[in-house]
């Protein structure tokens, strides 16, 4: 899926959170990609945790 990465928030001892825009809307998600990623468009693969499914 094509997304626009707006920014990545980093917190000590916690996963990075990405502020992203998609064709479905705006959201914050756990970022497992390159921690040095710059804002821009990226093709990503979404994974949904079993407890949410």
PDB file of N, CA and C in Angstrom:
ATOM      1  N   UNK A   1       0.839  -1.166   0.000  1.00  0.00           N
ATOM      2  CA  UNK A   1       0.000   0.000   0.000  1.00  0.00           C
ATOM      3  C   UNK A   1       0.885   1.230   0.000  1.00  0.00           C
ATOM      4  N   UNK A   2       0.518   2.229  -0.756  1.00  0.00           N
ATOM      5  CA  UNK A   2       1.263   3.477  -0.799  1.00  0.00           C
ATOM      6  C   UNK A   2       0.812   4.369   0.353  1.00  0.00           C
ATOM      7  N   UNK A   3       1.782   4.839   1.141  1.00  0.00           N
ATOM      8  CA  UNK A   3       1.485   5.744   2.251  1.00  0.00           C
ATOM      9  C   UNK A   3       2.388   6.962   2.142  1.00  0.00           C
ATOM     10  N   UNK A   4       1.998   8.024   2.822  1.00  0.00           N
ATOM     11  CA  UNK A   4       2.874   9.185   2.966  1.00  0.00           C
ATOM     12  C   UNK A   4       3.319   9.227   4.419  1.00  0.00           C
ATOM     13  N   UNK A   5       4.615   9.071   4.631  1.00  0.00           N
ATOM     14  CA  UNK A   5       5.187   9.163   5.973  1.00  0.00           C
ATOM     15  C   UNK A   5       5.326  10.639   6.312  1.00  0.00           C
ATOM     16  N   UNK A   6       4.655  11.063   7.372  1.00  0.00           N
ATOM     17  CA  UNK A   6       4.712  12.466   7.792  1.00  0.00           C
ATOM     18  C   UNK A   6       5.892  12.664   8.739  1.00  0.00           C
ATOM     19  N   UNK A   7       5.974  11.810   9.765  1.00  0.00           N
ATOM     20  CA  UNK A   7       7.105  11.866  10.706  1.00  0.00           C
ATOM     21  C   UNK A   7       7.161  10.585  11.509  1.00  0.00           C
ATOM     22  N   UNK A   8       8.314  10.345  12.138  1.00  0.00           N
ATOM     23  CA  UNK A   8       8.498   9.196  13.017  1.00  0.00           C
ATOM     24  C   UNK A   8       8.801   9.725  14.414  1.00  0.00           C
ATOM     25  N   UNK A   9       8.060   9.237  15.403  1.00  0.00           N
ATOM     26  CA  UNK A   9       8.292   9.600  16.803  1.00  0.00           C
ATOM     27  C   UNK A   9       9.055   8.458  17.455  1.00  0.00           C
ATOM     28  N   UNK A  10      10.123   8.804  18.154  1.00  0.00           N
ATOM     29  CA  UNK A  10      10.943   7.798  18.828  1.00  0.00           C
ATOM     30  C   UNK A  10      10.896   8.036  20.330  1.00  0.00           C
ATOM     31  N   UNK A  11      10.678   6.953  21.084  1.00  0.00           N
ATOM     32  CA  UNK A  11      10.615   7.028  22.541  1.00  0.00           C
ATOM     33  C   UNK A  11      11.569   5.993  23.111  1.00  0.00           C
ATOM     34  N   UNK A  12      12.358   6.337  24.115  1.00  0.00           N
ATOM     35  CA  UNK A  12      13.290   5.367  24.702  1.00  0.00           C
ATOM     36  C   UNK A  12      12.562   4.119  25.204  1.00  0.00           C
ATOM     37  N   UNK A  13      13.068   2.964  24.825  1.00  0.00           N
ATOM     38  CA  UNK A  13      12.521   1.699  25.288  1.00  0.00           C
ATOM     39  C   UNK A  13      11.169   1.328  24.700  1.00  0.00           C
ATOM     40  N   UNK A  14      10.732   2.027  23.672  1.00  0.00           N
ATOM     41  CA  UNK A  14       9.430   1.750  23.055  1.00  0.00           C
ATOM     42  C   UNK A  14       9.583   1.711  21.537  1.00  0.00           C
ATOM     43  N   UNK A  15       8.642   1.049  20.855  1.00  0.00           N
ATOM     44  CA  UNK A  15       8.703   1.026  19.389  1.00  0.00           C
ATOM     45  C   UNK A  15       8.513   2.427  18.807  1.00  0.00           C
ATOM     46  N   UNK A  16       9.060   2.643  17.630  1.00  0.00           N
ATOM     47  CA  UNK A  16       8.861   3.914  16.930  1.00  0.00           C
ATOM     48  C   UNK A  16       7.435   3.984  16.409  1.00  0.00           C
ATOM     49  N   UNK A  17       6.858   5.176  16.445  1.00  0.00           N
ATOM     50  CA  UNK A  17       5.516   5.386  15.910  1.00  0.00           C
ATOM     51  C   UNK A  17       5.603   6.301  14.696  1.00  0.00           C
ATOM     52  N   UNK A  18       4.905   5.915  13.645  1.00  0.00           N
ATOM     53  CA  UNK A  18       4.905   6.705  12.422  1.00  0.00           C
ATOM     54  C   UNK A  18       3.559   7.397  12.266  1.00  0.00           C
ATOM     55  N   UNK A  19       3.620   8.663  11.938  1.00  0.00           N
ATOM     56  CA  UNK A  19       2.432   9.441  11.603  1.00  0.00           C
ATOM     57  C   UNK A  19       2.308   9.331  10.081  1.00  0.00           C
ATOM     58  N   UNK A  20       1.253   8.660   9.590  1.00  0.00           N
ATOM     59  CA  UNK A  20       1.128   8.400   8.156  1.00  0.00           C
ATOM     60  C   UNK A  20      -0.230   8.846   7.612  1.00  0.00           C
ATOM     61  N   UNK A  21      -0.239   9.116   6.321  1.00  0.00           N
ATOM     62  CA  UNK A  21      -1.475   9.397   5.595  1.00  0.00           C
ATOM     63  C   UNK A  21      -1.637   8.309   4.544  1.00  0.00           C
ATOM     64  N   UNK A  22      -2.866   7.819   4.430  1.00  0.00           N
ATOM     65  CA  UNK A  22      -3.177   6.796   3.430  1.00  0.00           C
ATOM     66  C   UNK A  22      -4.394   7.254   2.635  1.00  0.00           C
ATOM     67  N   UNK A  23      -4.781   6.457   1.657  1.00  0.00           N
ATOM     68  CA  UNK A  23      -5.988   6.771   0.898  1.00  0.00           C
ATOM     69  C   UNK A  23      -7.232   6.618   1.768  1.00  0.00           C
ATOM     70  N   UNK A  24      -7.099   5.957   2.933  1.00  0.00           N
ATOM     71  CA  UNK A  24      -8.211   5.767   3.857  1.00  0.00           C
ATOM     72  C   UNK A  24      -8.270   6.842   4.939  1.00  0.00           C
ATOM     73  N   UNK A  25      -7.189   7.579   5.124  1.00  0.00           N
ATOM     74  CA  UNK A  25      -7.152   8.612   6.147  1.00  0.00           C
ATOM     75  C   UNK A  25      -5.799   8.712   6.819  1.00  0.00           C
ATOM     76  N   UNK A  26      -5.764   9.375   7.945  1.00  0.00           N
ATOM     77  CA  UNK A  26      -4.549   9.691   8.691  1.00  0.00           C
ATOM     78  C   UNK A  26      -4.512   8.822   9.952  1.00  0.00           C
ATOM     79  N   UNK A  27      -3.335   8.272  10.291  1.00  0.00           N
ATOM     80  CA  UNK A  27      -3.234   7.432  11.484  1.00  0.00           C
ATOM     81  C   UNK A  27      -1.803   7.400  12.003  1.00  0.00           C
ATOM     82  N   UNK A  28      -1.635   6.853  13.190  1.00  0.00           N
ATOM     83  CA  UNK A  28      -0.313   6.594  13.766  1.00  0.00           C
ATOM     84  C   UNK A  28      -0.179   5.085  13.921  1.00  0.00           C
ATOM     85  N   UNK A  29       0.953   4.547  13.483  1.00  0.00           N
ATOM     86  CA  UNK A  29       1.187   3.106  13.519  1.00  0.00           C
ATOM     87  C   UNK A  29       2.604   2.812  13.984  1.00  0.00           C
ATOM     88  N   UNK A  30       2.819   1.593  14.444  1.00  0.00           N
ATOM     89  CA  UNK A  30       4.164   1.158  14.800  1.00  0.00           C
ATOM     90  C   UNK A  30       4.994   1.103  13.525  1.00  0.00           C
ATOM     91  N   UNK A  31       6.190   1.683  13.559  1.00  0.00           N
ATOM     92  CA  UNK A  31       7.061   1.727  12.395  1.00  0.00           C
ATOM     93  C   UNK A  31       8.160   0.695  12.551  1.00  0.00           C
ATOM     94  N   UNK A  32       8.182  -0.291  11.647  1.00  0.00           N
ATOM     95  CA  UNK A  32       9.203  -1.344  11.682  1.00  0.00           C
ATOM     96  C   UNK A  32      10.216  -1.172  10.560  1.00  0.00           C
ATOM     97  N   UNK A  33      10.096  -0.094   9.825  1.00  0.00           N
ATOM     98  CA  UNK A  33      11.014   0.174   8.722  1.00  0.00           C
ATOM     99  C   UNK A  33      12.275   0.864   9.206  1.00  0.00           C
ATOM    100  N   UNK A  34      12.984   1.473   8.277  1.00  0.00           N
ATOM    101  CA  UNK A  34      14.227   2.183   8.556  1.00  0.00           C
ATOM    102  C   UNK A  34      13.957   3.326   9.532  1.00  0.00           C
ATOM    103  N   UNK A  35      14.640   3.316  10.674  1.00  0.00           N
ATOM    104  CA  UNK A  35      14.427   4.361  11.684  1.00  0.00           C
ATOM    105  C   UNK A  35      14.892   5.722  11.189  1.00  0.00           C
ATOM    106  N   UNK A  36      15.723   5.745  10.166  1.00  0.00           N
ATOM    107  CA  UNK A  36      16.217   7.011   9.621  1.00  0.00           C
ATOM    108  C   UNK A  36      15.392   7.468   8.408  1.00  0.00           C
ATOM    109  N   UNK A  37      14.251   6.835   8.180  1.00  0.00           N
ATOM    110  CA  UNK A  37      13.414   7.180   7.025  1.00  0.00           C
ATOM    111  C   UNK A  37      12.991   8.647   7.095  1.00  0.00           C
ATOM    112  N   UNK A  38      13.036   9.284   5.955  1.00  0.00           N
ATOM    113  CA  UNK A  38      12.634  10.685   5.827  1.00  0.00           C
ATOM    114  C   UNK A  38      11.168  10.754   5.412  1.00  0.00           C
ATOM    115  N   UNK A  39      10.496  11.875   5.678  1.00  0.00           N
ATOM    116  CA  UNK A  39       9.126  12.036   5.197  1.00  0.00           C
ATOM    117  C   UNK A  39       9.055  11.844   3.681  1.00  0.00           C
ATOM    118  N   UNK A  40       7.951  11.259   3.231  1.00  0.00           N
ATOM    119  CA  UNK A  40       7.764  11.014   1.803  1.00  0.00           C
ATOM    120  C   UNK A  40       6.861   9.822   1.583  1.00  0.00           C
ATOM    121  N   UNK A  41       6.776   9.398   0.329  1.00  0.00           N
ATOM    122  CA  UNK A  41       5.917   8.269  -0.027  1.00  0.00           C
ATOM    123  C   UNK A  41       6.691   6.955   0.046  1.00  0.00           C
ATOM    124  N   UNK A  42       6.015   5.938   0.586  1.00  0.00           N
ATOM    125  CA  UNK A  42       6.601   4.611   0.715  1.00  0.00           C
ATOM    126  C   UNK A  42       5.540   3.562   0.407  1.00  0.00           C
ATOM    127  N   UNK A  43       5.976   2.454  -0.158  1.00  0.00           N
ATOM    128  CA  UNK A  43       5.103   1.287  -0.285  1.00  0.00           C
ATOM    129  C   UNK A  43       5.362   0.427   0.943  1.00  0.00           C
ATOM    130  N   UNK A  44       4.305   0.100   1.681  1.00  0.00           N
ATOM    131  CA  UNK A  44       4.454  -0.662   2.922  1.00  0.00           C
ATOM    132  C   UNK A  44       3.538  -1.874   2.910  1.00  0.00           C
ATOM    133  N   UNK A  45       3.849  -2.814   3.781  1.00  0.00           N
ATOM    134  CA  UNK A  45       3.010  -3.984   4.004  1.00  0.00           C
ATOM    135  C   UNK A  45       2.441  -3.859   5.407  1.00  0.00           C
ATOM    136  N   UNK A  46       1.130  -3.966   5.544  1.00  0.00           N
ATOM    137  CA  UNK A  46       0.459  -3.852   6.830  1.00  0.00           C
ATOM    138  C   UNK A  46       0.349  -5.228   7.468  1.00  0.00           C
ATOM    139  N   UNK A  47       0.548  -5.294   8.764  1.00  0.00           N
ATOM    140  CA  UNK A  47       0.318  -6.509   9.539  1.00  0.00           C
ATOM    141  C   UNK A  47      -0.618  -6.148  10.676  1.00  0.00           C
ATOM    142  N   UNK A  48      -1.672  -6.931  10.843  1.00  0.00           N
ATOM    143  CA  UNK A  48      -2.639  -6.669  11.909  1.00  0.00           C
ATOM    144  C   UNK A  48      -2.470  -7.741  12.974  1.00  0.00           C
ATOM    145  N   UNK A  49      -2.277  -7.320  14.226  1.00  0.00           N
ATOM    146  CA  UNK A  49      -2.097  -8.259  15.322  1.00  0.00           C
ATOM    147  C   UNK A  49      -3.318  -9.163  15.474  1.00  0.00           C
ATOM    148  N   UNK A  50      -3.078 -10.383  15.883  1.00  0.00           N
ATOM    149  CA  UNK A  50      -4.138 -11.391  16.019  1.00  0.00           C
ATOM    150  C   UNK A  50      -5.249 -10.920  16.963  1.00  0.00           C
ATOM    151  N   UNK A  51      -4.890 -10.238  18.047  1.00  0.00           N
ATOM    152  CA  UNK A  51      -5.926  -9.812  19.003  1.00  0.00           C
ATOM    153  C   UNK A  51      -6.842  -8.733  18.433  1.00  0.00           C
ATOM    154  N   UNK A  52      -6.422  -8.040  17.398  1.00  0.00           N
ATOM    155  CA  UNK A  52      -7.263  -7.033  16.747  1.00  0.00           C
ATOM    156  C   UNK A  52      -8.139  -7.670  15.682  1.00  0.00           C
ATOM    157  N   UNK A  53      -7.620  -8.711  15.024  1.00  0.00           N
ATOM    158  CA  UNK A  53      -8.376  -9.402  13.985  1.00  0.00           C
ATOM    159  C   UNK A  53      -9.628  -9.971  14.592  1.00  0.00           C
TER     160      UNK A  53
END
